[in-house]
Amino acid sequence: MSTLLVAAALAGPATAQGRGELLYTAHCSACHSEQIHWRSAKAVTDWTSLKAEVVKWQGMARLAWSEDDVTDVARFLNERIYRFETPLATASKVPPSLRAPGAGAP
């Protein structure tokens, strides 16, 4: 598994999706099959709870991930499984007339 991490690091910067997938595969997929994300007693119900679960489990595994690492893994899971609306997607739906002065289009 460490060979995969070294190869990815040498290949250059990964996209958030690729980085999130890499982190999830290296640290989470051994215990979490895709079925755990679809169980009936879900702990994850929206973007906020998804990020909270990633924070919780990386902490339990003592991974000491940065905020970017957590967000990348949450984005990967959201794109692949959950499909929740993210804060960025919500912000882009704010009509221009309600945006702060000087705020550009997303």
Protein backbone atom coordinates (compact mmCIF):
# COMPACT_ATOMS: atom_id res chain seq x y z
CA MET A 1 0.00 0.00 0.00
CA SER A 2 2.86 2.41 0.74
CA THR A 3 4.18 1.84 -2.77
CA LEU A 4 0.89 3.19 -4.10
CA LEU A 5 1.24 6.32 -1.96
CA VAL A 6 4.83 6.90 -3.08
CA ALA A 7 3.91 6.42 -6.73
CA ALA A 8 1.04 8.89 -6.40
CA ALA A 9 3.30 11.45 -4.73
CA LEU A 10 5.91 11.14 -7.47
CA ALA A 11 3.30 11.46 -10.19
CA GLY A 12 2.55 15.05 -9.15
CA PRO A 13 -0.27 16.78 -7.35
CA ALA A 14 -3.51 14.85 -7.35
CA THR A 15 -6.90 16.37 -7.90
CA ALA A 16 -9.20 16.56 -4.87
CA GLN A 17 -11.18 13.64 -6.22
CA GLY A 18 -8.05 11.56 -6.84
CA ARG A 19 -6.50 12.56 -3.52
CA GLY A 20 -9.70 11.77 -1.62
CA GLU A 21 -9.97 8.41 -3.33
CA LEU A 22 -6.33 7.67 -2.59
CA LEU A 23 -6.71 8.53 1.11
CA TYR A 24 -9.94 6.53 1.39
CA THR A 25 -8.45 3.51 -0.37
CA ALA A 26 -5.27 3.60 1.71
CA HIS A 27 -6.86 4.16 5.10
CA CYS A 28 -10.57 3.33 5.07
CA SER A 29 -11.52 0.71 2.50
CA ALA A 30 -9.98 -2.18 4.46
CA CYS A 31 -12.79 -1.85 7.02
CA HIS A 32 -15.42 0.04 5.01
CA SER A 33 -16.95 -1.68 2.03
CA GLU A 34 -19.33 0.35 -0.12
CA GLN A 35 -22.26 -1.42 1.59
CA ILE A 36 -21.55 0.36 4.89
CA HIS A 37 -22.47 3.64 3.21
CA TRP A 38 -25.85 2.26 2.15
CA ARG A 39 -26.99 0.63 5.39
CA SER A 40 -30.39 1.48 6.84
CA ALA A 41 -29.05 2.96 10.11
CA LYS A 42 -27.17 5.77 8.41
CA ALA A 43 -25.07 8.21 10.40
CA VAL A 44 -24.68 10.32 7.26
CA THR A 45 -27.71 12.26 6.07
CA ASP A 46 -26.21 15.39 4.49
CA TRP A 47 -22.90 17.08 3.61
CA THR A 48 -22.30 18.30 7.16
CA SER A 49 -22.82 14.87 8.72
CA LEU A 50 -20.65 13.28 6.00
CA LYS A 51 -17.73 15.55 6.88
CA ALA A 52 -18.34 14.94 10.59
CA GLU A 53 -18.13 11.17 10.07
CA VAL A 54 -14.88 11.51 8.11
CA VAL A 55 -13.47 13.65 10.95
CA LYS A 56 -14.66 11.12 13.54
CA TRP A 57 -13.22 8.06 11.84
CA GLN A 58 -9.90 9.60 10.84
CA GLY A 59 -9.54 10.64 14.47
CA MET A 60 -10.34 7.13 15.71
CA ALA A 61 -7.71 5.79 13.32
CA ARG A 62 -5.27 8.46 14.54
CA LEU A 63 -4.54 9.65 11.01
CA ALA A 64 -4.15 13.35 11.91
CA TRP A 65 -5.60 14.47 8.57
CA SER A 66 -5.71 18.14 7.67
CA GLU A 67 -8.98 19.92 6.91
CA ASP A 68 -8.13 19.54 3.20
CA ASP A 69 -7.66 15.78 3.61
CA VAL A 70 -11.05 15.47 5.34
CA THR A 71 -12.75 17.57 2.66
CA ASP A 72 -11.11 15.60 -0.15
CA VAL A 73 -12.28 12.27 1.29
CA ALA A 74 -15.77 13.65 1.95
CA ARG A 75 -15.93 14.96 -1.64
CA PHE A 76 -14.83 11.58 -2.97
CA LEU A 77 -17.52 9.78 -0.97
CA ASN A 78 -20.12 12.36 -1.91
CA GLU A 79 -19.33 12.08 -5.63
CA ARG A 80 -19.20 8.30 -5.56
CA ILE A 81 -22.02 7.42 -3.17
CA TYR A 82 -24.06 10.11 -1.45
CA ARG A 83 -24.60 12.95 -3.92
CA PHE A 84 -25.52 15.54 -1.26
CA GLU A 85 -25.63 19.20 -2.11
CA THR A 86 -22.42 20.80 -0.88
CA PRO A 87 -22.07 24.32 0.56
CA LEU A 88 -20.27 25.43 -2.61
CA ALA A 89 -23.15 24.16 -4.76
CA THR A 90 -25.65 25.95 -2.53
CA ALA A 91 -23.68 29.22 -2.70
CA SER A 92 -23.71 29.09 -6.49
CA LYS A 93 -27.52 29.08 -6.43
CA VAL A 94 -27.72 32.45 -4.66
CA PRO A 95 -29.17 34.95 -7.11
CA PRO A 96 -26.73 37.74 -8.09
CA SER A 97 -29.07 40.35 -6.56
CA LEU A 98 -28.59 38.74 -3.12
CA ARG A 99 -24.80 38.32 -3.30
CA ALA A 100 -22.49 40.60 -1.37
CA PRO A 101 -21.26 43.63 -3.32
CA GLY A 102 -18.15 42.77 -5.28
CA ALA A 103 -18.85 39.02 -5.13
CA GLY A 104 -18.19 37.54 -8.52
CA ALA A 105 -20.00 34.70 -10.17
CA PRO A 106 -19.00 31.27 -8.85
